[in-house]
Amino acid sequence: MTEHVIPLSEVRSPRLPPWLRVRLSHSPTFASTAALVDGQHLNTVCVEARCPNRGECWSRGTATFMLLGDTCTRACGFCSVKTGRPTWFDADEPRRVADAVDAMGLQYVVLTSVNRDDLADGGAGIFAETLRLLRACHPAIGIEFLTPDFQHKQDEAIAIIGQALDAATPAVAGRTRLVWGHNIETVPRLYRSARKGARYDLSLELLARAARLPGVEAKSALMLGLGETREEVRQVLRDLRAHGVARVSLGQYLQPSRDNLPVTEYIHPDAFTEYEAEARALGFAWVKAGPLVRSSYHAEEEQTA
């Protein structure tokens, strides 16, 4: 792989490289998506994580719903989601998500959540009930879960969600319609600063267990630009494949606020193209790689070109 890195010292702050500049959207669909999300009192990772693709995705009438409130029990160095002691829990949330999906006419929905280490099941019950309601209303809908690692509650969480998956409609026309995602986020060396409270081996174990479930594909994602080396990225990709992960995305880390970790380097689009080729050579069936790619970006696509 050739070197395609722009050190921050060579970038005139606060201007970003041209490939990272995002146009604002004035689409009527953007406004209607925003109104629907607000009207159902739902949270989205698009807003809470300050995703740069919100304009594009909401203009296409898609959104990634964030379950279990807007307060996370962890304080990951890269994330802008609020940290604290959550008090919010709403058993009616799965119904509201299902209603929003129906109103938006979605054929594929992505669900994620904050970490809820305070809950006995880590929040798995809300994921499971949302799945049941979505499949009851829309048997053929594609569903992607992006879950926490559930820490030492992994056995219980997998059992709860697994029961809901057992009741889900089988794949439609041979396509995988159930994706269990969990983001590895970065290389193991950077976990202490970037993923406080998480363990690399525990994340890999969750992905391996998800990949073994019938009719489910496991998916993960990496952020680049936190100080990782190319060989470290390659090793993470090899580890993911060794644990049965079939889908992977790679994108540029962007500092969401001054309180978060700084960007160490901006990765050139050509480097992402090379990472994508390497991932495909390792056997990943679905790969998205690019500066603005996020884990749920164009998740509904069956396969990239």
C-alpha atoms as a PDB file:
ATOM      1  CA  MET A   1       0.000   0.000   0.000  1.00  0.00           C
ATOM      2  CA  THR A   2       1.349   3.438  -0.887  1.00  0.00           C
ATOM      3  CA  GLU A   3       1.434   6.199   1.711  1.00  0.00           C
ATOM      4  CA  HIS A   4      -1.578   8.526   1.507  1.00  0.00           C
ATOM      5  CA  VAL A   5      -1.588  10.539   4.729  1.00  0.00           C
ATOM      6  CA  ILE A   6      -1.816  14.281   5.283  1.00  0.00           C
ATOM      7  CA  PRO A   7      -0.393  15.207   8.705  1.00  0.00           C
ATOM      8  CA  LEU A   8      -2.398  17.841  10.549  1.00  0.00           C
ATOM      9  CA  SER A   9       0.639  20.107  10.536  1.00  0.00           C
ATOM     10  CA  GLU A  10       0.204  20.403   6.785  1.00  0.00           C
ATOM     11  CA  VAL A  11      -3.494  21.219   6.949  1.00  0.00           C
ATOM     12  CA  ARG A  12      -4.515  24.836   7.432  1.00  0.00           C
ATOM     13  CA  SER A  13      -6.826  24.722  10.417  1.00  0.00           C
ATOM     14  CA  PRO A  14      -9.759  24.897  10.557  1.00  0.00           C
ATOM     15  CA  ARG A  15     -10.096  24.103   6.844  1.00  0.00           C
ATOM     16  CA  LEU A  16     -10.563  20.452   6.019  1.00  0.00           C
ATOM     17  CA  PRO A  17      -9.198  18.683   2.942  1.00  0.00           C
ATOM     18  CA  PRO A  18     -11.594  19.116   0.007  1.00  0.00           C
ATOM     19  CA  TRP A  19     -12.761  15.509   0.182  1.00  0.00           C
ATOM     20  CA  LEU A  20     -14.136  16.106   3.689  1.00  0.00           C
ATOM     21  CA  ARG A  21     -16.286  19.121   2.925  1.00  0.00           C
ATOM     22  CA  VAL A  22     -20.000  18.368   3.102  1.00  0.00           C
ATOM     23  CA  ARG A  23     -22.761  20.435   1.548  1.00  0.00           C
ATOM     24  CA  LEU A  24     -25.816  21.282   3.591  1.00  0.00           C
ATOM     25  CA  SER A  25     -29.118  19.884   2.415  1.00  0.00           C
ATOM     26  CA  HIS A  26     -32.263  21.873   1.717  1.00  0.00           C
ATOM     27  CA  SER A  27     -34.262  18.903   0.455  1.00  0.00           C
ATOM     28  CA  PRO A  28     -37.953  18.741   1.448  1.00  0.00           C
ATOM     29  CA  THR A  29     -37.339  15.093   2.360  1.00  0.00           C
ATOM     30  CA  PHE A  30     -34.731  16.210   4.895  1.00  0.00           C
ATOM     31  CA  ALA A  31     -37.315  18.407   6.603  1.00  0.00           C
ATOM     32  CA  SER A  32     -39.961  15.685   6.635  1.00  0.00           C
ATOM     33  CA  THR A  33     -37.512  13.137   8.074  1.00  0.00           C
ATOM     34  CA  ALA A  34     -36.549  15.580  10.822  1.00  0.00           C
ATOM     35  CA  ALA A  35     -40.196  16.296  11.619  1.00  0.00           C
ATOM     36  CA  LEU A  36     -41.043  12.604  11.796  1.00  0.00           C
ATOM     37  CA  VAL A  37     -38.123  11.803  14.114  1.00  0.00           C
ATOM     38  CA  ASP A  38     -39.014  14.724  16.383  1.00  0.00           C
ATOM     39  CA  GLY A  39     -42.711  13.900  16.280  1.00  0.00           C
ATOM     40  CA  GLN A  40     -42.107  10.354  17.523  1.00  0.00           C
ATOM     41  CA  HIS A  41     -39.686  11.621  20.225  1.00  0.00           C
ATOM     42  CA  LEU A  42     -36.914   9.403  18.883  1.00  0.00           C
ATOM     43  CA  ASN A  43     -33.159   9.757  19.065  1.00  0.00           C
ATOM     44  CA  THR A  44     -30.868   9.204  16.106  1.00  0.00           C
ATOM     45  CA  VAL A  45     -27.140   8.604  15.948  1.00  0.00           C
ATOM     46  CA  CYS A  46     -27.232  11.050  13.029  1.00  0.00           C
ATOM     47  CA  VAL A  47     -27.814  13.914  15.476  1.00  0.00           C
ATOM     48  CA  GLU A  48     -26.275  12.660  18.722  1.00  0.00           C
ATOM     49  CA  ALA A  49     -22.992  11.590  17.086  1.00  0.00           C
ATOM     50  CA  ARG A  50     -22.947  14.633  14.756  1.00  0.00           C
ATOM     51  CA  CYS A  51     -22.691  12.473  11.656  1.00  0.00           C
ATOM     52  CA  PRO A  52     -21.440  14.384   8.582  1.00  0.00           C
ATOM     53  CA  ASN A  53     -23.776  12.391   6.340  1.00  0.00           C
ATOM     54  CA  ARG A  54     -27.017  13.465   8.005  1.00  0.00           C
ATOM     55  CA  GLY A  55     -27.922  15.812   5.129  1.00  0.00           C
ATOM     56  CA  GLU A  56     -27.478  13.110   2.509  1.00  0.00           C
ATOM     57  CA  CYS A  57     -29.170  10.323   4.444  1.00  0.00           C
ATOM     58  CA  TRP A  58     -32.132  12.332   5.714  1.00  0.00           C
ATOM     59  CA  SER A  59     -32.629  13.709   2.211  1.00  0.00           C
ATOM     60  CA  ARG A  60     -32.916  10.093   1.054  1.00  0.00           C
ATOM     61  CA  GLY A  61     -35.506   9.499   3.769  1.00  0.00           C
ATOM     62  CA  THR A  62     -33.291   7.272   5.903  1.00  0.00           C
ATOM     63  CA  ALA A  63     -32.052   7.565   9.473  1.00  0.00           C
ATOM     64  CA  THR A  64     -30.301   5.425  12.072  1.00  0.00           C
ATOM     65  CA  PHE A  65     -32.465   5.166  15.177  1.00  0.00           C
ATOM     66  CA  MET A  66     -30.665   5.275  18.524  1.00  0.00           C
ATOM     67  CA  LEU A  67     -32.474   3.286  21.191  1.00  0.00           C
ATOM     68  CA  LEU A  68     -32.426   3.610  24.975  1.00  0.00           C
ATOM     69  CA  GLY A  69     -32.111   7.360  25.296  1.00  0.00           C
ATOM     70  CA  ASP A  70     -29.389   9.915  24.615  1.00  0.00           C
ATOM     71  CA  THR A  71     -27.097   9.327  27.610  1.00  0.00           C
ATOM     72  CA  CYS A  72     -24.317   6.735  27.517  1.00  0.00           C
ATOM     73  CA  THR A  73     -22.759   5.045  30.536  1.00  0.00           C
ATOM     74  CA  ARG A  74     -19.304   5.146  28.931  1.00  0.00           C
ATOM     75  CA  ALA A  75     -17.021   7.982  27.875  1.00  0.00           C
ATOM     76  CA  CYS A  76     -15.311   6.920  24.663  1.00  0.00           C
ATOM     77  CA  GLY A  77     -12.721   9.453  23.558  1.00  0.00           C
ATOM     78  CA  PHE A  78     -14.017   9.720  19.999  1.00  0.00           C
ATOM     79  CA  CYS A  79     -17.746  10.038  20.688  1.00  0.00           C
ATOM     80  CA  SER A  80     -19.884  13.137  21.187  1.00  0.00           C
ATOM     81  CA  VAL A  81     -22.877  11.331  22.703  1.00  0.00           C
ATOM     82  CA  LYS A  82     -23.638  12.616  26.209  1.00  0.00           C
ATOM     83  CA  THR A  83     -22.116  10.621  29.086  1.00  0.00           C
ATOM     84  CA  GLY A  84     -23.694  10.196  32.502  1.00  0.00           C
ATOM     85  CA  ARG A  85     -26.050   8.119  34.612  1.00  0.00           C
ATOM     86  CA  PRO A  86     -29.117   7.457  32.454  1.00  0.00           C
ATOM     87  CA  THR A  87     -32.542   7.633  34.041  1.00  0.00           C
ATOM     88  CA  TRP A  88     -34.463   7.229  30.786  1.00  0.00           C
ATOM     89  CA  PHE A  89     -36.265   4.024  29.928  1.00  0.00           C
ATOM     90  CA  ASP A  90     -39.379   3.781  27.775  1.00  0.00           C
ATOM     91  CA  ALA A  91     -40.907   0.393  27.023  1.00  0.00           C
ATOM     92  CA  ASP A  92     -43.023   2.070  24.321  1.00  0.00           C
ATOM     93  CA  GLU A  93     -39.968   3.063  22.277  1.00  0.00           C
ATOM     94  CA  PRO A  94     -40.067  -0.035  20.000  1.00  0.00           C
ATOM     95  CA  ARG A  95     -43.614   0.838  18.920  1.00  0.00           C
ATOM     96  CA  ARG A  96     -42.639   4.409  18.088  1.00  0.00           C
ATOM     97  CA  VAL A  97     -39.692   3.179  16.034  1.00  0.00           C
ATOM     98  CA  ALA A  98     -41.983   0.798  14.138  1.00  0.00           C
ATOM     99  CA  ASP A  99     -44.442   3.633  13.488  1.00  0.00           C
ATOM    100  CA  ALA A 100     -41.648   5.871  12.183  1.00  0.00           C
ATOM    101  CA  VAL A 101     -40.343   3.122   9.906  1.00  0.00           C
ATOM    102  CA  ASP A 102     -43.857   2.630   8.548  1.00  0.00           C
ATOM    103  CA  ALA A 103     -44.333   6.363   7.920  1.00  0.00           C
ATOM    104  CA  MET A 104     -40.947   6.609   6.174  1.00  0.00           C
ATOM    105  CA  GLY A 105     -41.665   3.572   4.031  1.00  0.00           C
ATOM    106  CA  LEU A 106     -38.271   2.055   4.787  1.00  0.00           C
ATOM    107  CA  GLN A 107     -37.235  -1.264   3.278  1.00  0.00           C
ATOM    108  CA  TYR A 108     -34.131  -1.440   5.457  1.00  0.00           C
ATOM    109  CA  VAL A 109     -33.694  -0.031   8.950  1.00  0.00           C
ATOM    110  CA  VAL A 110     -30.607   0.421  11.121  1.00  0.00           C
ATOM    111  CA  LEU A 111     -30.927   0.391  14.909  1.00  0.00           C
ATOM    112  CA  THR A 112     -28.208   1.329  17.350  1.00  0.00           C
ATOM    113  CA  SER A 113     -28.098   2.457  20.972  1.00  0.00           C
ATOM    114  CA  VAL A 114     -26.060   4.072  23.672  1.00  0.00           C
ATOM    115  CA  ASN A 115     -24.237   1.791  26.107  1.00  0.00           C
ATOM    116  CA  ARG A 116     -26.549   0.995  29.010  1.00  0.00           C
ATOM    117  CA  ASP A 117     -24.304  -0.838  31.446  1.00  0.00           C
ATOM    118  CA  ASP A 118     -26.761   0.166  34.178  1.00  0.00           C
ATOM    119  CA  LEU A 119     -29.454  -2.188  32.867  1.00  0.00           C
ATOM    120  CA  ALA A 120     -29.552  -5.848  33.873  1.00  0.00           C
ATOM    121  CA  ASP A 121     -29.669  -6.971  30.231  1.00  0.00           C
ATOM    122  CA  GLY A 122     -27.574  -4.116  28.851  1.00  0.00           C
ATOM    123  CA  GLY A 123     -30.613  -2.976  26.853  1.00  0.00           C
ATOM    124  CA  ALA A 124     -30.960  -6.198  24.842  1.00  0.00           C
ATOM    125  CA  GLY A 125     -34.674  -6.438  25.622  1.00  0.00           C
ATOM    126  CA  ILE A 126     -35.444  -3.191  23.794  1.00  0.00           C
ATOM    127  CA  PHE A 127     -33.504  -4.373  20.743  1.00  0.00           C
ATOM    128  CA  ALA A 128     -35.420  -7.672  20.783  1.00  0.00           C
ATOM    129  CA  GLU A 129     -38.852  -6.070  21.135  1.00  0.00           C
ATOM    130  CA  THR A 130     -38.103  -3.580  18.350  1.00  0.00           C
ATOM    131  CA  LEU A 131     -37.144  -6.459  16.076  1.00  0.00           C
ATOM    132  CA  ARG A 132     -40.357  -8.335  16.881  1.00  0.00           C
ATOM    133  CA  LEU A 133     -42.558  -5.320  16.169  1.00  0.00           C
ATOM    134  CA  LEU A 134     -40.737  -4.428  12.945  1.00  0.00           C
ATOM    135  CA  ARG A 135     -41.025  -7.941  11.590  1.00  0.00           C
ATOM    136  CA  ALA A 136     -44.670  -8.238  12.703  1.00  0.00           C
ATOM    137  CA  CYS A 137     -45.536  -5.118  10.703  1.00  0.00           C
ATOM    138  CA  HIS A 138     -43.070  -5.600   7.836  1.00  0.00           C
ATOM    139  CA  PRO A 139     -42.103  -9.283   7.369  1.00  0.00           C
ATOM    140  CA  ALA A 140     -39.703  -8.589   4.494  1.00  0.00           C
ATOM    141  CA  ILE A 141     -37.916  -5.563   5.936  1.00  0.00           C
ATOM    142  CA  GLY A 142     -34.139  -5.684   6.245  1.00  0.00           C
ATOM    143  CA  ILE A 143     -32.933  -4.988   9.774  1.00  0.00           C
ATOM    144  CA  GLU A 144     -29.462  -4.117  11.000  1.00  0.00           C
ATOM    145  CA  PHE A 145     -28.626  -4.036  14.707  1.00  0.00           C
ATOM    146  CA  LEU A 146     -25.590  -2.087  15.835  1.00  0.00           C
ATOM    147  CA  THR A 147     -25.264  -3.151  19.456  1.00  0.00           C
ATOM    148  CA  PRO A 148     -22.904  -2.450  22.350  1.00  0.00           C
ATOM    149  CA  ASP A 149     -20.557  -5.222  23.527  1.00  0.00           C
ATOM    150  CA  PHE A 150     -22.838  -5.876  26.560  1.00  0.00           C
ATOM    151  CA  GLN A 151     -19.672  -6.449  28.659  1.00  0.00           C
ATOM    152  CA  HIS A 152     -20.129  -9.417  31.058  1.00  0.00           C
ATOM    153  CA  LYS A 153     -23.874  -9.546  30.238  1.00  0.00           C
ATOM    154  CA  GLN A 154     -23.102 -10.966  26.806  1.00  0.00           C
ATOM    155  CA  ASP A 155     -24.616 -14.411  27.431  1.00  0.00           C
ATOM    156  CA  GLU A 156     -27.955 -13.013  28.565  1.00  0.00           C
ATOM    157  CA  ALA A 157     -28.064 -10.338  25.846  1.00  0.00           C
ATOM    158  CA  ILE A 158     -27.333 -12.817  23.055  1.00  0.00           C
ATOM    159  CA  ALA A 159     -29.994 -15.187  24.386  1.00  0.00           C
ATOM    160  CA  ILE A 160     -32.606 -12.402  24.490  1.00  0.00           C
ATOM    161  CA  ILE A 161     -31.860 -11.072  21.020  1.00  0.00           C
ATOM    162  CA  GLY A 162     -31.367 -14.598  19.663  1.00  0.00           C
ATOM    163  CA  GLN A 163     -34.919 -15.530  20.651  1.00  0.00           C
ATOM    164  CA  ALA A 164     -36.225 -12.561  18.686  1.00  0.00           C
ATOM    165  CA  LEU A 165     -34.077 -13.534  15.708  1.00  0.00           C
ATOM    166  CA  ASP A 166     -35.460 -17.081  15.812  1.00  0.00           C
ATOM    167  CA  ALA A 167     -38.927 -15.636  15.320  1.00  0.00           C
ATOM    168  CA  ALA A 168     -37.836 -13.363  12.466  1.00  0.00           C
ATOM    169  CA  THR A 169     -38.864 -13.998   8.876  1.00  0.00           C
ATOM    170  CA  PRO A 170     -36.228 -15.940   6.883  1.00  0.00           C
ATOM    171  CA  ALA A 171     -34.144 -14.250   4.203  1.00  0.00           C
ATOM    172  CA  VAL A 172     -36.116 -12.902   1.257  1.00  0.00           C
ATOM    173  CA  ALA A 173     -35.073 -14.021  -2.235  1.00  0.00           C
ATOM    174  CA  GLY A 174     -31.811 -15.364  -0.877  1.00  0.00           C
ATOM    175  CA  ARG A 175     -30.696 -12.023   0.528  1.00  0.00           C
ATOM    176  CA  THR A 176     -29.417 -11.548   4.035  1.00  0.00           C
ATOM    177  CA  ARG A 177     -32.039  -9.474   5.786  1.00  0.00           C
ATOM    178  CA  LEU A 178     -30.570  -9.553   9.290  1.00  0.00           C
ATOM    179  CA  VAL A 179     -27.224  -7.951  10.109  1.00  0.00           C
ATOM    180  CA  TRP A 180     -25.757  -7.854  13.622  1.00  0.00           C
ATOM    181  CA  GLY A 181     -23.232  -5.062  13.803  1.00  0.00           C
ATOM    182  CA  HIS A 182     -20.778  -4.136  16.525  1.00  0.00           C
ATOM    183  CA  ASN A 183     -18.050  -1.601  15.850  1.00  0.00           C
ATOM    184  CA  ILE A 184     -14.481  -2.520  16.705  1.00  0.00           C
ATOM    185  CA  GLU A 185     -13.794   1.225  16.164  1.00  0.00           C
ATOM    186  CA  THR A 186      -9.966   1.272  16.275  1.00  0.00           C
ATOM    187  CA  VAL A 187      -6.858  -0.828  16.772  1.00  0.00           C
ATOM    188  CA  PRO A 188      -6.217  -2.513  20.156  1.00  0.00           C
ATOM    189  CA  ARG A 189      -3.279  -0.235  21.034  1.00  0.00           C
ATOM    190  CA  LEU A 190      -5.610   2.795  21.096  1.00  0.00           C
ATOM    191  CA  TYR A 191      -8.405   1.278  23.171  1.00  0.00           C
ATOM    192  CA  ARG A 192      -7.280   2.843  26.448  1.00  0.00           C
ATOM    193  CA  SER A 193      -7.839   6.367  25.109  1.00  0.00           C
ATOM    194  CA  ALA A 194     -10.523   5.773  22.475  1.00  0.00           C
ATOM    195  CA  ARG A 195     -12.747   3.020  23.919  1.00  0.00           C
ATOM    196  CA  LYS A 196     -12.688   3.295  27.683  1.00  0.00           C
ATOM    197  CA  GLY A 197     -14.538   0.391  29.276  1.00  0.00           C
ATOM    198  CA  ALA A 198     -14.286  -1.787  26.161  1.00  0.00           C
ATOM    199  CA  ARG A 199     -12.067  -4.772  25.420  1.00  0.00           C
ATOM    200  CA  TYR A 200     -10.879  -5.785  21.973  1.00  0.00           C
ATOM    201  CA  ASP A 201     -11.205  -9.518  22.689  1.00  0.00           C
ATOM    202  CA  LEU A 202     -14.719  -9.084  24.080  1.00  0.00           C
ATOM    203  CA  SER A 203     -15.810  -7.194  20.963  1.00  0.00           C
ATOM    204  CA  LEU A 204     -14.382  -9.928  18.721  1.00  0.00           C
ATOM    205  CA  GLU A 205     -16.166 -12.585  20.781  1.00  0.00           C
ATOM    206  CA  LEU A 206     -19.527 -10.845  20.385  1.00  0.00           C
ATOM    207  CA  LEU A 207     -19.028 -10.616  16.621  1.00  0.00           C
ATOM    208  CA  ALA A 208     -18.050 -14.280  16.406  1.00  0.00           C
ATOM    209  CA  ARG A 209     -21.155 -15.325  18.319  1.00  0.00           C
ATOM    210  CA  ALA A 210     -23.367 -13.121  16.153  1.00  0.00           C
ATOM    211  CA  ALA A 211     -21.832 -14.623  13.000  1.00  0.00           C
ATOM    212  CA  ARG A 212     -22.757 -18.129  14.162  1.00  0.00           C
ATOM    213  CA  LEU A 213     -26.477 -17.332  14.389  1.00  0.00           C
ATOM    214  CA  PRO A 214     -28.529 -18.757  11.489  1.00  0.00           C
ATOM    215  CA  GLY A 215     -29.440 -16.217   8.812  1.00  0.00           C
ATOM    216  CA  VAL A 216     -27.346 -13.445  10.355  1.00  0.00           C
ATOM    217  CA  GLU A 217     -24.318 -11.630   8.946  1.00  0.00           C
ATOM    218  CA  ALA A 218     -21.878  -9.959  11.340  1.00  0.00           C
ATOM    219  CA  LYS A 219     -20.639  -6.469  10.587  1.00  0.00           C
ATOM    220  CA  SER A 220     -18.061  -4.104  12.061  1.00  0.00           C
ATOM    221  CA  ALA A 221     -16.460  -0.714  11.417  1.00  0.00           C
ATOM    222  CA  LEU A 222     -13.167   1.104  11.853  1.00  0.00           C
ATOM    223  CA  MET A 223     -12.323   4.808  12.210  1.00  0.00           C
ATOM    224  CA  LEU A 224      -8.971   5.915  10.806  1.00  0.00           C
ATOM    225  CA  GLY A 225      -6.909   8.945  11.707  1.00  0.00           C
ATOM    226  CA  LEU A 226      -6.447   8.314  15.444  1.00  0.00           C
ATOM    227  CA  GLY A 227      -2.783   7.364  15.151  1.00  0.00           C
ATOM    228  CA  GLU A 228      -3.050   3.759  13.981  1.00  0.00           C
ATOM    229  CA  THR A 229      -0.516   2.251  11.595  1.00  0.00           C
ATOM    230  CA  ARG A 230      -1.347   0.579   8.300  1.00  0.00           C
ATOM    231  CA  GLU A 231      -0.221  -2.818   9.581  1.00  0.00           C
ATOM    232  CA  GLU A 232      -2.418  -2.437  12.678  1.00  0.00           C
ATOM    233  CA  VAL A 233      -5.426  -1.795  10.435  1.00  0.00           C
ATOM    234  CA  ARG A 234      -4.573  -4.834   8.331  1.00  0.00           C
ATOM    235  CA  GLN A 235      -4.336  -6.975  11.467  1.00  0.00           C
ATOM    236  CA  VAL A 236      -7.751  -5.818  12.691  1.00  0.00           C
ATOM    237  CA  LEU A 237      -9.233  -6.718   9.303  1.00  0.00           C
ATOM    238  CA  ARG A 238      -7.642 -10.166   9.538  1.00  0.00           C
ATOM    239  CA  ASP A 239      -8.981 -10.596  13.087  1.00  0.00           C
ATOM    240  CA  LEU A 240     -12.495  -9.635  11.996  1.00  0.00           C
ATOM    241  CA  ARG A 241     -12.483 -12.172   9.160  1.00  0.00           C
ATOM    242  CA  ALA A 242     -11.094 -14.851  11.480  1.00  0.00           C
ATOM    243  CA  HIS A 243     -14.084 -14.252  13.754  1.00  0.00           C
ATOM    244  CA  GLY A 244     -16.636 -14.605  10.966  1.00  0.00           C
ATOM    245  CA  VAL A 245     -17.347 -10.953  10.186  1.00  0.00           C
ATOM    246  CA  ALA A 246     -18.706 -10.610   6.632  1.00  0.00           C
ATOM    247  CA  ARG A 247     -19.286  -6.849   6.381  1.00  0.00           C
ATOM    248  CA  VAL A 248     -16.919  -4.028   7.194  1.00  0.00           C
ATOM    249  CA  SER A 249     -16.740  -0.257   6.785  1.00  0.00           C
ATOM    250  CA  LEU A 250     -13.795   2.102   7.171  1.00  0.00           C
ATOM    251  CA  GLY A 251     -14.046   5.881   7.501  1.00  0.00           C
ATOM    252  CA  GLN A 252     -12.148   8.978   8.608  1.00  0.00           C
ATOM    253  CA  TYR A 253     -12.371   9.970  12.255  1.00  0.00           C
ATOM    254  CA  LEU A 254     -13.467  13.594  12.664  1.00  0.00           C
ATOM    255  CA  GLN A 255     -13.194  15.293  16.041  1.00  0.00           C
ATOM    256  CA  PRO A 256     -16.805  16.122  17.015  1.00  0.00           C
ATOM    257  CA  SER A 257     -15.878  18.600  19.772  1.00  0.00           C
ATOM    258  CA  ARG A 258     -12.867  20.033  21.594  1.00  0.00           C
ATOM    259  CA  ASP A 259     -13.511  17.563  24.415  1.00  0.00           C
ATOM    260  CA  ASN A 260     -12.890  14.583  22.119  1.00  0.00           C
ATOM    261  CA  LEU A 261      -9.662  13.049  20.866  1.00  0.00           C
ATOM    262  CA  PRO A 262      -7.879  15.108  18.214  1.00  0.00           C
ATOM    263  CA  VAL A 263      -7.470  13.901  14.654  1.00  0.00           C
ATOM    264  CA  THR A 264      -3.912  12.687  14.137  1.00  0.00           C
ATOM    265  CA  GLU A 265      -4.029  12.536  10.360  1.00  0.00           C
ATOM    266  CA  TYR A 266      -6.379  12.880   7.405  1.00  0.00           C
ATOM    267  CA  ILE A 267      -6.360   9.776   5.246  1.00  0.00           C
ATOM    268  CA  HIS A 268      -6.476  10.364   1.481  1.00  0.00           C
ATOM    269  CA  PRO A 269      -9.351   8.759  -0.482  1.00  0.00           C
ATOM    270  CA  ASP A 270      -6.824   6.690  -2.434  1.00  0.00           C
ATOM    271  CA  ALA A 271      -5.734   4.994   0.788  1.00  0.00           C
ATOM    272  CA  PHE A 272      -9.346   4.056   1.522  1.00  0.00           C
ATOM    273  CA  THR A 273      -9.584   2.538  -1.955  1.00  0.00           C
ATOM    274  CA  GLU A 274      -6.543   0.420  -1.170  1.00  0.00           C
ATOM    275  CA  TYR A 275      -7.962  -0.655   2.196  1.00  0.00           C
ATOM    276  CA  GLU A 276     -11.175  -1.636   0.430  1.00  0.00           C
ATOM    277  CA  ALA A 277      -9.267  -3.814  -2.036  1.00  0.00           C
ATOM    278  CA  GLU A 278      -7.391  -5.488   0.821  1.00  0.00           C
ATOM    279  CA  ALA A 279     -10.627  -6.149   2.707  1.00  0.00           C
ATOM    280  CA  ARG A 280     -12.185  -7.754  -0.356  1.00  0.00           C
ATOM    281  CA  ALA A 281      -9.074  -9.886  -0.845  1.00  0.00           C
ATOM    282  CA  LEU A 282      -9.535 -11.147   2.720  1.00  0.00           C
ATOM    283  CA  GLY A 283     -13.033 -12.332   1.811  1.00  0.00           C
ATOM    284  CA  PHE A 284     -15.369  -9.671   3.173  1.00  0.00           C
ATOM    285  CA  ALA A 285     -18.603  -9.846   1.183  1.00  0.00           C
ATOM    286  CA  TRP A 286     -19.623  -6.208   1.783  1.00  0.00           C
ATOM    287  CA  VAL A 287     -17.126  -3.366   2.068  1.00  0.00           C
ATOM    288  CA  LYS A 288     -17.528   0.398   2.321  1.00  0.00           C
ATOM    289  CA  ALA A 289     -14.407   2.526   2.641  1.00  0.00           C
ATOM    290  CA  GLY A 290     -14.043   6.280   2.255  1.00  0.00           C
ATOM    291  CA  PRO A 291     -13.408   9.474   4.212  1.00  0.00           C
ATOM    292  CA  LEU A 292     -17.092  10.075   4.994  1.00  0.00           C
ATOM    293  CA  VAL A 293     -18.143   6.447   5.381  1.00  0.00           C
ATOM    294  CA  ARG A 294     -19.775   5.579   8.704  1.00  0.00           C
ATOM    295  CA  SER A 295     -20.963   2.185   9.933  1.00  0.00           C
ATOM    296  CA  SER A 296     -24.547   2.706   8.768  1.00  0.00           C
ATOM    297  CA  TYR A 297     -23.700   4.621   5.580  1.00  0.00           C
ATOM    298  CA  HIS A 298     -25.654   3.076   2.664  1.00  0.00           C
ATOM    299  CA  ALA A 299     -26.125   0.015   4.850  1.00  0.00           C
ATOM    300  CA  GLU A 300     -29.127  -1.029   2.786  1.00  0.00           C
ATOM    301  CA  GLU A 301     -26.979  -1.792  -0.245  1.00  0.00           C
ATOM    302  CA  GLU A 302     -26.589  -5.521  -0.758  1.00  0.00           C
ATOM    303  CA  GLN A 303     -23.078  -5.209  -2.099  1.00  0.00           C
ATOM    304  CA  THR A 304     -20.655  -2.477  -3.044  1.00  0.00           C
ATOM    305  CA  ALA A 305     -19.238  -2.244  -6.536  1.00  0.00           C
END
